[in-house]
Amino acid sequence: LTLSDLIIEKPIIVDPDNDIEIAAQLIYKHKIGGMPVVKKNKLVGIITETDILRAFIDMMGILTASSRIDVVIKDEPGLFKKALQIINDSGGDIINAGITAQQASKRIYYFRLSACKTNIIKKALENSGFEVTDAMD
């Protein structure tokens, strides 16, 4: 048995100028562990699941000392801005934010904060009518 018996002759490829989301979608959709990165029919590298996971972890600041607070924010004008203001006024320093792709009426926003005690922020949000689904110091 040789490698020529095992190789995929027409692999799924990605261009080095594509966004990371494109590579992540292709790897997920096709259930593959990685793929060649090709520019003008020349192999310039390989991108793997681990590379993409590392990039997302870096973007989300997960390995940085941090806290997180998850808040349901309804799709009403001004509520997102109000939640941000409450977090800031309560001592939260937002590193980044994410959002679920659920229906607009029940979207959960994930706020990664510089390390802090989230109980004050949680209480302030709840006192203003927001639902806090999780808070991690």
C-alpha atoms as a PDB file:
ATOM      1  CA  LEU A   1       0.000   0.000   0.000  1.00  0.00           C
ATOM      2  CA  THR A   2       1.488   3.340  -1.035  1.00  0.00           C
ATOM      3  CA  LEU A   3       0.423   6.933  -0.500  1.00  0.00           C
ATOM      4  CA  SER A   4      -0.732   7.112  -4.111  1.00  0.00           C
ATOM      5  CA  ASP A   5      -3.390   4.564  -3.133  1.00  0.00           C
ATOM      6  CA  LEU A   6      -4.623   6.851  -0.331  1.00  0.00           C
ATOM      7  CA  ILE A   7      -4.281  10.428  -1.522  1.00  0.00           C
ATOM      8  CA  ILE A   8      -7.209  12.564  -2.575  1.00  0.00           C
ATOM      9  CA  GLU A   9      -6.448  13.648  -6.110  1.00  0.00           C
ATOM     10  CA  LYS A  10      -8.762  16.690  -6.140  1.00  0.00           C
ATOM     11  CA  PRO A  11      -8.731  18.014  -2.573  1.00  0.00           C
ATOM     12  CA  ILE A  12     -10.814  20.907  -1.347  1.00  0.00           C
ATOM     13  CA  ILE A  13      -8.523  23.930  -1.408  1.00  0.00           C
ATOM     14  CA  VAL A  14      -8.570  27.456  -0.057  1.00  0.00           C
ATOM     15  CA  ASP A  15      -6.866  30.646  -1.213  1.00  0.00           C
ATOM     16  CA  PRO A  16      -4.508  32.409   1.238  1.00  0.00           C
ATOM     17  CA  ASP A  17      -6.530  35.615   0.799  1.00  0.00           C
ATOM     18  CA  ASN A  18      -9.782  33.985   2.013  1.00  0.00           C
ATOM     19  CA  ASP A  19     -11.086  34.925   5.449  1.00  0.00           C
ATOM     20  CA  ILE A  20     -10.630  32.376   8.219  1.00  0.00           C
ATOM     21  CA  GLU A  21     -14.411  31.874   8.302  1.00  0.00           C
ATOM     22  CA  ILE A  22     -14.312  30.416   4.770  1.00  0.00           C
ATOM     23  CA  ALA A  23     -11.712  27.823   5.769  1.00  0.00           C
ATOM     24  CA  ALA A  24     -13.647  27.002   8.954  1.00  0.00           C
ATOM     25  CA  GLN A  25     -16.878  26.519   6.984  1.00  0.00           C
ATOM     26  CA  LEU A  26     -15.197  24.249   4.432  1.00  0.00           C
ATOM     27  CA  ILE A  27     -13.483  22.121   7.070  1.00  0.00           C
ATOM     28  CA  TYR A  28     -16.735  21.792   9.023  1.00  0.00           C
ATOM     29  CA  LYS A  29     -18.968  21.176   5.989  1.00  0.00           C
ATOM     30  CA  HIS A  30     -16.720  18.519   4.480  1.00  0.00           C
ATOM     31  CA  LYS A  31     -15.691  16.957   7.815  1.00  0.00           C
ATOM     32  CA  ILE A  32     -11.985  17.244   7.059  1.00  0.00           C
ATOM     33  CA  GLY A  33      -9.070  17.938   9.388  1.00  0.00           C
ATOM     34  CA  GLY A  34      -7.296  20.355   7.105  1.00  0.00           C
ATOM     35  CA  MET A  35      -6.739  21.417   3.537  1.00  0.00           C
ATOM     36  CA  PRO A  36      -4.129  22.800   1.175  1.00  0.00           C
ATOM     37  CA  VAL A  37      -3.774  26.557   0.776  1.00  0.00           C
ATOM     38  CA  VAL A  38      -3.170  27.243  -2.914  1.00  0.00           C
ATOM     39  CA  LYS A  39      -2.309  30.466  -4.775  1.00  0.00           C
ATOM     40  CA  LYS A  40      -2.121  30.425  -8.607  1.00  0.00           C
ATOM     41  CA  ASN A  41      -1.999  26.605  -8.645  1.00  0.00           C
ATOM     42  CA  LYS A  42       0.962  26.583  -6.237  1.00  0.00           C
ATOM     43  CA  LEU A  43       0.820  25.091  -2.747  1.00  0.00           C
ATOM     44  CA  VAL A  44       1.668  27.821  -0.244  1.00  0.00           C
ATOM     45  CA  GLY A  45       0.687  26.007   2.954  1.00  0.00           C
ATOM     46  CA  ILE A  46      -1.746  23.839   4.850  1.00  0.00           C
ATOM     47  CA  ILE A  47      -4.527  25.013   7.194  1.00  0.00           C
ATOM     48  CA  THR A  48      -5.791  22.639   9.888  1.00  0.00           C
ATOM     49  CA  GLU A  49      -8.601  22.489  12.423  1.00  0.00           C
ATOM     50  CA  THR A  50      -6.038  23.264  15.115  1.00  0.00           C
ATOM     51  CA  ASP A  51      -4.873  26.406  13.292  1.00  0.00           C
ATOM     52  CA  ILE A  52      -8.451  27.655  13.022  1.00  0.00           C
ATOM     53  CA  LEU A  53      -9.262  26.795  16.632  1.00  0.00           C
ATOM     54  CA  ARG A  54      -6.142  28.647  17.789  1.00  0.00           C
ATOM     55  CA  ALA A  55      -7.135  31.713  15.760  1.00  0.00           C
ATOM     56  CA  PHE A  56     -10.676  31.740  17.197  1.00  0.00           C
ATOM     57  CA  ILE A  57      -9.348  31.291  20.738  1.00  0.00           C
ATOM     58  CA  ASP A  58      -6.981  34.215  20.186  1.00  0.00           C
ATOM     59  CA  MET A  59      -9.771  36.372  18.711  1.00  0.00           C
ATOM     60  CA  MET A  60     -12.063  35.599  21.641  1.00  0.00           C
ATOM     61  CA  GLY A  61      -9.381  36.172  24.268  1.00  0.00           C
ATOM     62  CA  ILE A  62     -10.156  32.877  25.995  1.00  0.00           C
ATOM     63  CA  LEU A  63      -6.586  32.281  27.173  1.00  0.00           C
ATOM     64  CA  THR A  64      -6.295  35.799  28.583  1.00  0.00           C
ATOM     65  CA  ALA A  65      -7.229  36.266  32.243  1.00  0.00           C
ATOM     66  CA  SER A  66     -10.816  37.363  31.816  1.00  0.00           C
ATOM     67  CA  SER A  67     -14.408  37.172  32.937  1.00  0.00           C
ATOM     68  CA  ARG A  68     -17.576  36.625  30.913  1.00  0.00           C
ATOM     69  CA  ILE A  69     -21.179  37.708  31.201  1.00  0.00           C
ATOM     70  CA  ASP A  70     -23.938  36.405  28.919  1.00  0.00           C
ATOM     71  CA  VAL A  71     -26.987  38.610  28.437  1.00  0.00           C
ATOM     72  CA  VAL A  72     -30.250  38.224  26.532  1.00  0.00           C
ATOM     73  CA  ILE A  73     -30.805  41.465  24.637  1.00  0.00           C
ATOM     74  CA  LYS A  74     -34.115  41.844  22.855  1.00  0.00           C
ATOM     75  CA  ASP A  75     -34.285  43.299  19.367  1.00  0.00           C
ATOM     76  CA  GLU A  76     -35.403  46.767  20.420  1.00  0.00           C
ATOM     77  CA  PRO A  77     -33.739  50.068  19.527  1.00  0.00           C
ATOM     78  CA  GLY A  78     -31.234  51.241  22.122  1.00  0.00           C
ATOM     79  CA  LEU A  79     -31.128  48.081  24.274  1.00  0.00           C
ATOM     80  CA  PHE A  80     -27.705  46.931  23.089  1.00  0.00           C
ATOM     81  CA  LYS A  81     -26.257  50.373  23.757  1.00  0.00           C
ATOM     82  CA  LYS A  82     -27.958  50.413  27.176  1.00  0.00           C
ATOM     83  CA  ALA A  83     -26.434  47.026  28.099  1.00  0.00           C
ATOM     84  CA  LEU A  84     -22.969  48.239  27.050  1.00  0.00           C
ATOM     85  CA  GLN A  85     -23.377  51.363  29.158  1.00  0.00           C
ATOM     86  CA  ILE A  86     -24.455  49.354  32.218  1.00  0.00           C
ATOM     87  CA  ILE A  87     -21.484  47.009  31.837  1.00  0.00           C
ATOM     88  CA  ASN A  88     -19.069  49.943  31.526  1.00  0.00           C
ATOM     89  CA  ASP A  89     -20.673  51.927  34.356  1.00  0.00           C
ATOM     90  CA  SER A  90     -20.445  48.847  36.599  1.00  0.00           C
ATOM     91  CA  GLY A  91     -16.702  48.483  36.080  1.00  0.00           C
ATOM     92  CA  GLY A  92     -16.671  46.070  33.153  1.00  0.00           C
ATOM     93  CA  ASP A  93     -13.980  46.503  30.512  1.00  0.00           C
ATOM     94  CA  ILE A  94     -15.169  44.694  27.377  1.00  0.00           C
ATOM     95  CA  ILE A  95     -12.434  42.761  25.549  1.00  0.00           C
ATOM     96  CA  ASN A  96     -14.768  41.381  22.885  1.00  0.00           C
ATOM     97  CA  ALA A  97     -18.343  40.322  22.276  1.00  0.00           C
ATOM     98  CA  GLY A  98     -20.111  37.517  20.477  1.00  0.00           C
ATOM     99  CA  ILE A  99     -23.714  36.746  19.679  1.00  0.00           C
ATOM    100  CA  THR A 100     -25.772  33.634  19.076  1.00  0.00           C
ATOM    101  CA  ALA A 101     -27.425  33.219  15.708  1.00  0.00           C
ATOM    102  CA  GLN A 102     -30.799  32.569  17.295  1.00  0.00           C
ATOM    103  CA  GLN A 103     -33.984  34.464  16.551  1.00  0.00           C
ATOM    104  CA  ALA A 104     -33.691  38.187  17.191  1.00  0.00           C
ATOM    105  CA  SER A 105     -36.104  38.094  20.140  1.00  0.00           C
ATOM    106  CA  LYS A 106     -33.883  35.701  22.129  1.00  0.00           C
ATOM    107  CA  ARG A 107     -30.298  36.518  21.127  1.00  0.00           C
ATOM    108  CA  ILE A 108     -27.684  35.940  23.764  1.00  0.00           C
ATOM    109  CA  TYR A 109     -24.699  38.283  23.727  1.00  0.00           C
ATOM    110  CA  TYR A 110     -21.452  36.975  25.216  1.00  0.00           C
ATOM    111  CA  PHE A 111     -19.273  39.720  26.652  1.00  0.00           C
ATOM    112  CA  ARG A 112     -15.669  38.833  27.493  1.00  0.00           C
ATOM    113  CA  LEU A 113     -14.380  41.308  30.063  1.00  0.00           C
ATOM    114  CA  SER A 114     -11.032  42.064  31.613  1.00  0.00           C
ATOM    115  CA  ALA A 115     -10.856  39.942  34.772  1.00  0.00           C
ATOM    116  CA  CYS A 116     -13.373  41.266  37.292  1.00  0.00           C
ATOM    117  CA  LYS A 117     -16.081  40.296  39.766  1.00  0.00           C
ATOM    118  CA  THR A 118     -19.179  39.964  37.606  1.00  0.00           C
ATOM    119  CA  ASN A 119     -21.748  39.972  40.419  1.00  0.00           C
ATOM    120  CA  ILE A 120     -22.018  43.799  40.429  1.00  0.00           C
ATOM    121  CA  ILE A 121     -22.473  43.876  36.651  1.00  0.00           C
ATOM    122  CA  LYS A 122     -24.994  41.036  36.781  1.00  0.00           C
ATOM    123  CA  LYS A 123     -27.099  42.807  39.419  1.00  0.00           C
ATOM    124  CA  ALA A 124     -27.019  46.112  37.515  1.00  0.00           C
ATOM    125  CA  LEU A 125     -28.140  44.425  34.292  1.00  0.00           C
ATOM    126  CA  GLU A 126     -30.908  42.482  36.032  1.00  0.00           C
ATOM    127  CA  ASN A 127     -32.087  45.615  37.860  1.00  0.00           C
ATOM    128  CA  SER A 128     -32.469  47.242  34.432  1.00  0.00           C
ATOM    129  CA  GLY A 129     -34.597  44.377  33.123  1.00  0.00           C
ATOM    130  CA  PHE A 130     -31.974  42.306  31.304  1.00  0.00           C
ATOM    131  CA  GLU A 131     -31.803  38.525  31.645  1.00  0.00           C
ATOM    132  CA  VAL A 132     -28.285  37.349  32.538  1.00  0.00           C
ATOM    133  CA  THR A 133     -27.910  33.692  31.558  1.00  0.00           C
ATOM    134  CA  ASP A 134     -24.370  33.205  32.865  1.00  0.00           C
ATOM    135  CA  ALA A 135     -21.615  35.117  34.633  1.00  0.00           C
ATOM    136  CA  MET A 136     -18.073  33.853  35.168  1.00  0.00           C
ATOM    137  CA  ASP A 137     -15.402  35.669  37.179  1.00  0.00           C
END
